Amino acid sequence: MNLADALNLGCAFCLRGAGDVKFPAMMLLVLSWFGFVPLVHMLTFAPGQGFVDFLPQFGLGATGSWLAALAYITVLGVCLSARWKSGRWKLMELAH
């Protein structure tokens, strides 16, 4: 988990420092609400105990929450790393 977190934070701060602030913010927002929150719900709650019925529920408890956090941080880190490697941040204009 530390490696994934380092990749996530390192790439996020490098992109922001280079002036690419919208992409990291949008990735964080989209992956949080449409990836992490549903995944935590699915992995944590047992069938019939969740807040919504349309998602499958696997009942892993706290272990499920940690697995969801690991998946979220890893996917976010990979997306931000791909953005950094693409070089699109070089095209950003910095305000003076």
PDB file of N, CA and C in Angstrom:
ATOM      1  N   MET A   1       0.828  -1.183   0.000  1.00  0.00           N
ATOM      2  CA  MET A   1       0.000   0.000   0.000  1.00  0.00           C
ATOM      3  C   MET A   1       0.876   1.252   0.000  1.00  0.00           C
ATOM      4  N   ASN A   2       2.017   1.210   0.654  1.00  0.00           N
ATOM      5  CA  ASN A   2       2.891   2.382   0.699  1.00  0.00           C
ATOM      6  C   ASN A   2       3.415   2.744  -0.677  1.00  0.00           C
ATOM      7  N   LEU A   3       3.738   1.755  -1.484  1.00  0.00           N
ATOM      8  CA  LEU A   3       4.232   2.020  -2.834  1.00  0.00           C
ATOM      9  C   LEU A   3       3.151   2.706  -3.674  1.00  0.00           C
ATOM     10  N   ALA A   4       1.923   2.202  -3.595  1.00  0.00           N
ATOM     11  CA  ALA A   4       0.821   2.805  -4.342  1.00  0.00           C
ATOM     12  C   ALA A   4       0.545   4.225  -3.855  1.00  0.00           C
ATOM     13  N   ASP A   5       0.622   4.437  -2.559  1.00  0.00           N
ATOM     14  CA  ASP A   5       0.385   5.769  -2.004  1.00  0.00           C
ATOM     15  C   ASP A   5       1.493   6.736  -2.416  1.00  0.00           C
ATOM     16  N   ALA A   6       2.729   6.257  -2.429  1.00  0.00           N
ATOM     17  CA  ALA A   6       3.843   7.112  -2.862  1.00  0.00           C
ATOM     18  C   ALA A   6       3.690   7.496  -4.329  1.00  0.00           C
ATOM     19  N   LEU A   7       3.296   6.543  -5.171  1.00  0.00           N
ATOM     20  CA  LEU A   7       3.068   6.830  -6.588  1.00  0.00           C
ATOM     21  C   LEU A   7       1.953   7.866  -6.743  1.00  0.00           C
ATOM     22  N   ASN A   8       0.872   7.667  -6.026  1.00  0.00           N
ATOM     23  CA  ASN A   8      -0.272   8.577  -6.073  1.00  0.00           C
ATOM     24  C   ASN A   8       0.129   9.988  -5.652  1.00  0.00           C
ATOM     25  N   LEU A   9       0.702  10.119  -4.479  1.00  0.00           N
ATOM     26  CA  LEU A   9       1.036  11.449  -3.961  1.00  0.00           C
ATOM     27  C   LEU A   9       2.152  12.110  -4.760  1.00  0.00           C
ATOM     28  N   GLY A  10       3.168  11.339  -5.108  1.00  0.00           N
ATOM     29  CA  GLY A  10       4.273  11.907  -5.876  1.00  0.00           C
ATOM     30  C   GLY A  10       3.820  12.466  -7.209  1.00  0.00           C
ATOM     31  N   CYS A  11       3.063  11.690  -7.947  1.00  0.00           N
ATOM     32  CA  CYS A  11       2.582  12.150  -9.255  1.00  0.00           C
ATOM     33  C   CYS A  11       1.589  13.295  -9.120  1.00  0.00           C
ATOM     34  N   ALA A  12       0.717  13.219  -8.122  1.00  0.00           N
ATOM     35  CA  ALA A  12      -0.268  14.293  -7.927  1.00  0.00           C
ATOM     36  C   ALA A  12       0.414  15.623  -7.640  1.00  0.00           C
ATOM     37  N   PHE A  13       1.395  15.614  -6.747  1.00  0.00           N
ATOM     38  CA  PHE A  13       2.062  16.866  -6.399  1.00  0.00           C
ATOM     39  C   PHE A  13       2.944  17.365  -7.530  1.00  0.00           C
ATOM     40  N   CYS A  14       3.576  16.458  -8.268  1.00  0.00           N
ATOM     41  CA  CYS A  14       4.382  16.884  -9.420  1.00  0.00           C
ATOM     42  C   CYS A  14       3.505  17.527 -10.493  1.00  0.00           C
ATOM     43  N   LEU A  15       2.358  16.918 -10.771  1.00  0.00           N
ATOM     44  CA  LEU A  15       1.452  17.485 -11.762  1.00  0.00           C
ATOM     45  C   LEU A  15       0.944  18.846 -11.321  1.00  0.00           C
ATOM     46  N   ARG A  16       0.555  18.958 -10.063  1.00  0.00           N
ATOM     47  CA  ARG A  16       0.055  20.238  -9.560  1.00  0.00           C
ATOM     48  C   ARG A  16       1.136  21.302  -9.596  1.00  0.00           C
ATOM     49  N   GLY A  17       2.356  20.921  -9.236  1.00  0.00           N
ATOM     50  CA  GLY A  17       3.466  21.859  -9.266  1.00  0.00           C
ATOM     51  C   GLY A  17       3.797  22.328 -10.673  1.00  0.00           C
ATOM     52  N   ALA A  18       3.537  21.466 -11.663  1.00  0.00           N
ATOM     53  CA  ALA A  18       3.798  21.818 -13.056  1.00  0.00           C
ATOM     54  C   ALA A  18       2.648  22.615 -13.670  1.00  0.00           C
ATOM     55  N   GLY A  19       1.591  22.845 -12.903  1.00  0.00           N
ATOM     56  CA  GLY A  19       0.473  23.638 -13.392  1.00  0.00           C
ATOM     57  C   GLY A  19      -0.723  22.842 -13.869  1.00  0.00           C
ATOM     58  N   ASP A  20      -0.630  21.525 -13.834  1.00  0.00           N
ATOM     59  CA  ASP A  20      -1.741  20.673 -14.258  1.00  0.00           C
ATOM     60  C   ASP A  20      -2.577  20.331 -13.027  1.00  0.00           C
ATOM     61  N   VAL A  21      -3.493  21.215 -12.671  1.00  0.00           N
ATOM     62  CA  VAL A  21      -4.270  21.032 -11.452  1.00  0.00           C
ATOM     63  C   VAL A  21      -5.645  20.424 -11.706  1.00  0.00           C
ATOM     64  N   LYS A  22      -6.195  20.635 -12.884  1.00  0.00           N
ATOM     65  CA  LYS A  22      -7.545  20.150 -13.164  1.00  0.00           C
ATOM     66  C   LYS A  22      -7.603  18.634 -13.279  1.00  0.00           C
ATOM     67  N   PHE A  23      -6.636  18.030 -13.971  1.00  0.00           N
ATOM     68  CA  PHE A  23      -6.665  16.582 -14.161  1.00  0.00           C
ATOM     69  C   PHE A  23      -6.578  15.818 -12.838  1.00  0.00           C
ATOM     70  N   PRO A  24      -5.609  16.126 -11.961  1.00  0.00           N
ATOM     71  CA  PRO A  24      -5.579  15.402 -10.685  1.00  0.00           C
ATOM     72  C   PRO A  24      -6.852  15.603  -9.857  1.00  0.00           C
ATOM     73  N   ALA A  25      -7.389  16.820  -9.878  1.00  0.00           N
ATOM     74  CA  ALA A  25      -8.606  17.085  -9.109  1.00  0.00           C
ATOM     75  C   ALA A  25      -9.793  16.302  -9.661  1.00  0.00           C
ATOM     76  N   MET A  26      -9.924  16.260 -10.978  1.00  0.00           N
ATOM     77  CA  MET A  26     -11.042  15.524 -11.577  1.00  0.00           C
ATOM     78  C   MET A  26     -10.892  14.014 -11.365  1.00  0.00           C
ATOM     79  N   MET A  27      -9.677  13.498 -11.479  1.00  0.00           N
ATOM     80  CA  MET A  27      -9.456  12.068 -11.251  1.00  0.00           C
ATOM     81  C   MET A  27      -9.794  11.710  -9.811  1.00  0.00           C
ATOM     82  N   LEU A  28      -9.382  12.547  -8.870  1.00  0.00           N
ATOM     83  CA  LEU A  28      -9.684  12.312  -7.471  1.00  0.00           C
ATOM     84  C   LEU A  28     -11.192  12.305  -7.234  1.00  0.00           C
ATOM     85  N   LEU A  29     -11.874  13.268  -7.801  1.00  0.00           N
ATOM     86  CA  LEU A  29     -13.323  13.376  -7.624  1.00  0.00           C
ATOM     87  C   LEU A  29     -14.063  12.197  -8.259  1.00  0.00           C
ATOM     88  N   VAL A  30     -13.743  11.896  -9.493  1.00  0.00           N
ATOM     89  CA  VAL A  30     -14.442  10.818 -10.215  1.00  0.00           C
ATOM     90  C   VAL A  30     -14.157   9.454  -9.593  1.00  0.00           C
ATOM     91  N   LEU A  31     -12.888   9.167  -9.341  1.00  0.00           N
ATOM     92  CA  LEU A  31     -12.553   7.861  -8.773  1.00  0.00           C
ATOM     93  C   LEU A  31     -13.064   7.711  -7.342  1.00  0.00           C
ATOM     94  N   SER A  32     -13.142   8.796  -6.594  1.00  0.00           N
ATOM     95  CA  SER A  32     -13.658   8.717  -5.230  1.00  0.00           C
ATOM     96  C   SER A  32     -15.130   8.340  -5.212  1.00  0.00           C
ATOM     97  N   TRP A  33     -15.923   9.105  -5.959  1.00  0.00           N
ATOM     98  CA  TRP A  33     -17.362   8.909  -5.888  1.00  0.00           C
ATOM     99  C   TRP A  33     -17.876   7.743  -6.725  1.00  0.00           C
ATOM    100  N   PHE A  34     -17.238   7.479  -7.852  1.00  0.00           N
ATOM    101  CA  PHE A  34     -17.739   6.423  -8.727  1.00  0.00           C
ATOM    102  C   PHE A  34     -16.921   5.138  -8.658  1.00  0.00           C
ATOM    103  N   GLY A  35     -15.846   5.136  -7.872  1.00  0.00           N
ATOM    104  CA  GLY A  35     -15.025   3.944  -7.720  1.00  0.00           C
ATOM    105  C   GLY A  35     -14.921   3.516  -6.270  1.00  0.00           C
ATOM    106  N   PHE A  36     -14.348   4.398  -5.448  1.00  0.00           N
ATOM    107  CA  PHE A  36     -14.066   4.047  -4.061  1.00  0.00           C
ATOM    108  C   PHE A  36     -15.331   3.845  -3.224  1.00  0.00           C
ATOM    109  N   VAL A  37     -16.249   4.776  -3.266  1.00  0.00           N
ATOM    110  CA  VAL A  37     -17.451   4.687  -2.424  1.00  0.00           C
ATOM    111  C   VAL A  37     -18.272   3.434  -2.751  1.00  0.00           C
ATOM    112  N   PRO A  38     -18.581   3.155  -4.026  1.00  0.00           N
ATOM    113  CA  PRO A  38     -19.315   1.916  -4.305  1.00  0.00           C
ATOM    114  C   PRO A  38     -18.521   0.656  -3.951  1.00  0.00           C
ATOM    115  N   LEU A  39     -17.212   0.678  -4.179  1.00  0.00           N
ATOM    116  CA  LEU A  39     -16.391  -0.486  -3.874  1.00  0.00           C
ATOM    117  C   LEU A  39     -16.346  -0.755  -2.373  1.00  0.00           C
ATOM    118  N   VAL A  40     -16.229   0.273  -1.574  1.00  0.00           N
ATOM    119  CA  VAL A  40     -16.260   0.097  -0.118  1.00  0.00           C
ATOM    120  C   VAL A  40     -17.591  -0.499   0.308  1.00  0.00           C
ATOM    121  N   HIS A  41     -18.663   0.005  -0.248  1.00  0.00           N
ATOM    122  CA  HIS A  41     -19.990  -0.515   0.090  1.00  0.00           C
ATOM    123  C   HIS A  41     -20.104  -1.984  -0.279  1.00  0.00           C
ATOM    124  N   MET A  42     -19.634  -2.341  -1.456  1.00  0.00           N
ATOM    125  CA  MET A  42     -19.753  -3.733  -1.912  1.00  0.00           C
ATOM    126  C   MET A  42     -18.891  -4.676  -1.075  1.00  0.00           C
ATOM    127  N   LEU A  43     -17.693  -4.264  -0.746  1.00  0.00           N
ATOM    128  CA  LEU A  43     -16.781  -5.164  -0.047  1.00  0.00           C
ATOM    129  C   LEU A  43     -17.008  -5.211   1.465  1.00  0.00           C
ATOM    130  N   THR A  44     -17.543  -4.159   2.050  1.00  0.00           N
ATOM    131  CA  THR A  44     -17.677  -4.080   3.504  1.00  0.00           C
ATOM    132  C   THR A  44     -18.940  -4.755   4.023  1.00  0.00           C
ATOM    133  N   PHE A  45     -20.088  -4.440   3.453  1.00  0.00           N
ATOM    134  CA  PHE A  45     -21.361  -4.902   3.997  1.00  0.00           C
ATOM    135  C   PHE A  45     -21.708  -6.317   3.564  1.00  0.00           C
ATOM    136  N   ALA A  46     -22.355  -7.029   4.466  1.00  0.00           N
ATOM    137  CA  ALA A  46     -22.888  -8.356   4.150  1.00  0.00           C
ATOM    138  C   ALA A  46     -24.217  -8.178   3.423  1.00  0.00           C
ATOM    139  N   PRO A  47     -24.673  -9.185   2.686  1.00  0.00           N
ATOM    140  CA  PRO A  47     -25.956  -9.070   1.980  1.00  0.00           C
ATOM    141  C   PRO A  47     -27.096  -8.664   2.927  1.00  0.00           C
ATOM    142  N   GLY A  48     -27.849  -7.643   2.504  1.00  0.00           N
ATOM    143  CA  GLY A  48     -28.980  -7.163   3.279  1.00  0.00           C
ATOM    144  C   GLY A  48     -28.632  -6.120   4.328  1.00  0.00           C
ATOM    145  N   GLN A  49     -27.366  -5.773   4.510  1.00  0.00           N
ATOM    146  CA  GLN A  49     -26.974  -4.814   5.551  1.00  0.00           C
ATOM    147  C   GLN A  49     -26.551  -3.460   5.000  1.00  0.00           C
ATOM    148  N   GLY A  50     -26.417  -3.325   3.705  1.00  0.00           N
ATOM    149  CA  GLY A  50     -25.936  -2.082   3.113  1.00  0.00           C
ATOM    150  C   GLY A  50     -27.008  -1.015   3.022  1.00  0.00           C
ATOM    151  N   PHE A  51     -26.607   0.095   2.440  1.00  0.00           N
ATOM    152  CA  PHE A  51     -27.524   1.222   2.285  1.00  0.00           C
ATOM    153  C   PHE A  51     -28.352   1.123   1.013  1.00  0.00           C
ATOM    154  N   VAL A  52     -27.822   0.429   0.010  1.00  0.00           N
ATOM    155  CA  VAL A  52     -28.535   0.259  -1.255  1.00  0.00           C
ATOM    156  C   VAL A  52     -28.573  -1.217  -1.611  1.00  0.00           C
ATOM    157  N   ASP A  53     -29.590  -1.607  -2.370  1.00  0.00           N
ATOM    158  CA  ASP A  53     -29.762  -3.018  -2.706  1.00  0.00           C
ATOM    159  C   ASP A  53     -29.252  -3.378  -4.094  1.00  0.00           C
ATOM    160  N   PHE A  54     -28.969  -2.390  -4.941  1.00  0.00           N
ATOM    161  CA  PHE A  54     -28.600  -2.700  -6.320  1.00  0.00           C
ATOM    162  C   PHE A  54     -27.122  -3.071  -6.486  1.00  0.00           C
ATOM    163  N   LEU A  55     -26.306  -2.900  -5.440  1.00  0.00           N
ATOM    164  CA  LEU A  55     -24.905  -3.308  -5.500  1.00  0.00           C
ATOM    165  C   LEU A  55     -24.736  -4.668  -4.817  1.00  0.00           C
ATOM    166  N   PRO A  56     -23.875  -5.510  -5.350  1.00  0.00           N
ATOM    167  CA  PRO A  56     -23.605  -6.769  -4.642  1.00  0.00           C
ATOM    168  C   PRO A  56     -22.876  -6.476  -3.334  1.00  0.00           C
ATOM    169  N   GLN A  57     -23.068  -7.331  -2.347  1.00  0.00           N
ATOM    170  CA  GLN A  57     -22.451  -7.112  -1.040  1.00  0.00           C
ATOM    171  C   GLN A  57     -21.743  -8.401  -0.624  1.00  0.00           C
ATOM    172  N   PHE A  58     -20.457  -8.274  -0.297  1.00  0.00           N
ATOM    173  CA  PHE A  58     -19.636  -9.443  -0.028  1.00  0.00           C
ATOM    174  C   PHE A  58     -19.334  -9.661   1.449  1.00  0.00           C
ATOM    175  N   GLY A  59     -19.582  -8.665   2.297  1.00  0.00           N
ATOM    176  CA  GLY A  59     -19.470  -8.838   3.743  1.00  0.00           C
ATOM    177  C   GLY A  59     -18.072  -9.102   4.269  1.00  0.00           C
ATOM    178  N   LEU A  60     -17.067  -8.428   3.763  1.00  0.00           N
ATOM    179  CA  LEU A  60     -15.704  -8.636   4.243  1.00  0.00           C
ATOM    180  C   LEU A  60     -15.347  -7.744   5.433  1.00  0.00           C
ATOM    181  N   GLY A  61     -16.230  -6.842   5.803  1.00  0.00           N
ATOM    182  CA  GLY A  61     -15.994  -5.973   6.949  1.00  0.00           C
ATOM    183  C   GLY A  61     -14.849  -5.004   6.727  1.00  0.00           C
ATOM    184  N   ALA A  62     -14.036  -4.814   7.771  1.00  0.00           N
ATOM    185  CA  ALA A  62     -12.926  -3.870   7.708  1.00  0.00           C
ATOM    186  C   ALA A  62     -11.891  -4.285   6.661  1.00  0.00           C
ATOM    187  N   THR A  63     -11.711  -5.576   6.467  1.00  0.00           N
ATOM    188  CA  THR A  63     -10.778  -6.047   5.446  1.00  0.00           C
ATOM    189  C   THR A  63     -11.223  -5.576   4.068  1.00  0.00           C
ATOM    190  N   GLY A  64     -12.517  -5.621   3.798  1.00  0.00           N
ATOM    191  CA  GLY A  64     -13.052  -5.137   2.532  1.00  0.00           C
ATOM    192  C   GLY A  64     -12.800  -3.658   2.329  1.00  0.00           C
ATOM    193  N   SER A  65     -12.913  -2.885   3.411  1.00  0.00           N
ATOM    194  CA  SER A  65     -12.647  -1.445   3.322  1.00  0.00           C
ATOM    195  C   SER A  65     -11.196  -1.181   2.955  1.00  0.00           C
ATOM    196  N   TRP A  66     -10.274  -1.921   3.560  1.00  0.00           N
ATOM    197  CA  TRP A  66      -8.861  -1.743   3.261  1.00  0.00           C
ATOM    198  C   TRP A  66      -8.536  -2.191   1.842  1.00  0.00           C
ATOM    199  N   LEU A  67      -9.166  -3.251   1.380  1.00  0.00           N
ATOM    200  CA  LEU A  67      -8.959  -3.691  -0.003  1.00  0.00           C
ATOM    201  C   LEU A  67      -9.458  -2.641  -0.986  1.00  0.00           C
ATOM    202  N   ALA A  68     -10.593  -2.019  -0.672  1.00  0.00           N
ATOM    203  CA  ALA A  68     -11.131  -0.957  -1.525  1.00  0.00           C
ATOM    204  C   ALA A  68     -10.188   0.244  -1.531  1.00  0.00           C
ATOM    205  N   ALA A  69      -9.628   0.587  -0.379  1.00  0.00           N
ATOM    206  CA  ALA A  69      -8.681   1.701  -0.305  1.00  0.00           C
ATOM    207  C   ALA A  69      -7.429   1.401  -1.130  1.00  0.00           C
ATOM    208  N   LEU A  70      -6.939   0.186  -1.040  1.00  0.00           N
ATOM    209  CA  LEU A  70      -5.771  -0.205  -1.821  1.00  0.00           C
ATOM    210  C   LEU A  70      -6.050  -0.111  -3.321  1.00  0.00           C
ATOM    211  N   ALA A  71      -7.206  -0.600  -3.737  1.00  0.00           N
ATOM    212  CA  ALA A  71      -7.573  -0.547  -5.155  1.00  0.00           C
ATOM    213  C   ALA A  71      -7.703   0.905  -5.628  1.00  0.00           C
ATOM    214  N   TYR A  72      -8.360   1.735  -4.844  1.00  0.00           N
ATOM    215  CA  TYR A  72      -8.566   3.140  -5.202  1.00  0.00           C
ATOM    216  C   TYR A  72      -7.233   3.881  -5.329  1.00  0.00           C
ATOM    217  N   ILE A  73      -6.366   3.722  -4.336  1.00  0.00           N
ATOM    218  CA  ILE A  73      -5.088   4.425  -4.347  1.00  0.00           C
ATOM    219  C   ILE A  73      -4.221   3.945  -5.500  1.00  0.00           C
ATOM    220  N   THR A  74      -4.260   2.649  -5.775  1.00  0.00           N
ATOM    221  CA  THR A  74      -3.461   2.099  -6.874  1.00  0.00           C
ATOM    222  C   THR A  74      -3.940   2.621  -8.222  1.00  0.00           C
ATOM    223  N   VAL A  75      -5.242   2.582  -8.461  1.00  0.00           N
ATOM    224  CA  VAL A  75      -5.789   3.061  -9.738  1.00  0.00           C
ATOM    225  C   VAL A  75      -5.520   4.556  -9.909  1.00  0.00           C
ATOM    226  N   LEU A  76      -5.700   5.331  -8.859  1.00  0.00           N
ATOM    227  CA  LEU A  76      -5.438   6.768  -8.930  1.00  0.00           C
ATOM    228  C   LEU A  76      -3.960   7.026  -9.221  1.00  0.00           C
ATOM    229  N   GLY A  77      -3.087   6.299  -8.556  1.00  0.00           N
ATOM    230  CA  GLY A  77      -1.659   6.459  -8.791  1.00  0.00           C
ATOM    231  C   GLY A  77      -1.258   6.105 -10.210  1.00  0.00           C
ATOM    232  N   VAL A  78      -1.823   5.034 -10.745  1.00  0.00           N
ATOM    233  CA  VAL A  78      -1.514   4.624 -12.126  1.00  0.00           C
ATOM    234  C   VAL A  78      -2.017   5.670 -13.120  1.00  0.00           C
ATOM    235  N   CYS A  79      -3.218   6.197 -12.895  1.00  0.00           N
ATOM    236  CA  CYS A  79      -3.765   7.230 -13.794  1.00  0.00           C
ATOM    237  C   CYS A  79      -2.914   8.499 -13.767  1.00  0.00           C
ATOM    238  N   LEU A  80      -2.503   8.926 -12.580  1.00  0.00           N
ATOM    239  CA  LEU A  80      -1.690  10.133 -12.471  1.00  0.00           C
ATOM    240  C   LEU A  80      -0.289   9.908 -13.024  1.00  0.00           C
ATOM    241  N   SER A  81       0.242   8.721 -12.843  1.00  0.00           N
ATOM    242  CA  SER A  81       1.547   8.389 -13.413  1.00  0.00           C
ATOM    243  C   SER A  81       1.494   8.403 -14.939  1.00  0.00           C
ATOM    244  N   ALA A  82       0.419   7.869 -15.494  1.00  0.00           N
ATOM    245  CA  ALA A  82       0.255   7.874 -16.953  1.00  0.00           C
ATOM    246  C   ALA A  82       0.159   9.302 -17.473  1.00  0.00           C
ATOM    247  N   ARG A  83      -0.517  10.166 -16.730  1.00  0.00           N
ATOM    248  CA  ARG A  83      -0.610  11.577 -17.130  1.00  0.00           C
ATOM    249  C   ARG A  83       0.775  12.220 -17.102  1.00  0.00           C
ATOM    250  N   TRP A  84       1.551  11.923 -16.066  1.00  0.00           N
ATOM    251  CA  TRP A  84       2.891  12.500 -15.964  1.00  0.00           C
ATOM    252  C   TRP A  84       3.765  12.029 -17.124  1.00  0.00           C
ATOM    253  N   LYS A  85       3.716  10.726 -17.407  1.00  0.00           N
ATOM    254  CA  LYS A  85       4.543  10.159 -18.472  1.00  0.00           C
ATOM    255  C   LYS A  85       4.115  10.637 -19.857  1.00  0.00           C
ATOM    256  N   SER A  86       2.857  11.031 -20.005  1.00  0.00           N
ATOM    257  CA  SER A  86       2.380  11.505 -21.305  1.00  0.00           C
ATOM    258  C   SER A  86       2.991  12.854 -21.679  1.00  0.00           C
ATOM    259  N   GLY A  87       3.404  13.629 -20.689  1.00  0.00           N
ATOM    260  CA  GLY A  87       4.011  14.929 -20.952  1.00  0.00           C
ATOM    261  C   GLY A  87       3.018  16.048 -21.217  1.00  0.00           C
ATOM    262  N   ARG A  88       1.729  15.782 -21.064  1.00  0.00           N
ATOM    263  CA  ARG A  88       0.730  16.836 -21.310  1.00  0.00           C
ATOM    264  C   ARG A  88       0.876  18.005 -20.356  1.00  0.00           C
ATOM    265  N   TRP A  89       1.479  17.757 -19.200  1.00  0.00           N
ATOM    266  CA  TRP A  89       1.673  18.825 -18.224  1.00  0.00           C
ATOM    267  C   TRP A  89       2.644  19.887 -18.748  1.00  0.00           C
ATOM    268  N   LYS A  90       3.467  19.534 -19.731  1.00  0.00           N
ATOM    269  CA  LYS A  90       4.421  20.492 -20.290  1.00  0.00           C
ATOM    270  C   LYS A  90       3.717  21.588 -21.089  1.00  0.00           C
ATOM    271  N   LEU A  91       2.486  21.336 -21.497  1.00  0.00           N
ATOM    272  CA  LEU A  91       1.737  22.295 -22.312  1.00  0.00           C
ATOM    273  C   LEU A  91       0.966  23.308 -21.463  1.00  0.00           C
ATOM    274  N   MET A  92       0.981  23.147 -20.133  1.00  0.00           N
ATOM    275  CA  MET A  92       0.231  24.033 -19.250  1.00  0.00           C
ATOM    276  C   MET A  92       0.919  25.388 -19.167  1.00  0.00           C
ATOM    277  N   GLU A  93       0.135  26.430 -19.176  1.00  0.00           N
ATOM    278  CA  GLU A  93       0.644  27.784 -19.031  1.00  0.00           C
ATOM    279  C   GLU A  93       0.511  28.176 -17.565  1.00  0.00           C
ATOM    280  N   LEU A  94       1.601  28.604 -16.973  1.00  0.00           N
ATOM    281  CA  LEU A  94       1.584  29.028 -15.581  1.00  0.00           C
ATOM    282  C   LEU A  94       1.272  30.515 -15.495  1.00  0.00           C
ATOM    283  N   ALA A  95       0.430  30.879 -14.539  1.00  0.00           N
ATOM    284  CA  ALA A  95       0.106  32.301 -14.320  1.00  0.00           C
ATOM    285  C   ALA A  95       1.283  32.970 -13.611  1.00  0.00           C
ATOM    286  N   HIS A  96       1.545  34.189 -13.977  1.00  0.00           N
ATOM    287  CA  HIS A  96       2.661  34.922 -13.361  1.00  0.00           C
ATOM    288  C   HIS A  96       2.150  35.848 -12.303  1.00  0.00           C
TER     289      HIS A  96
END
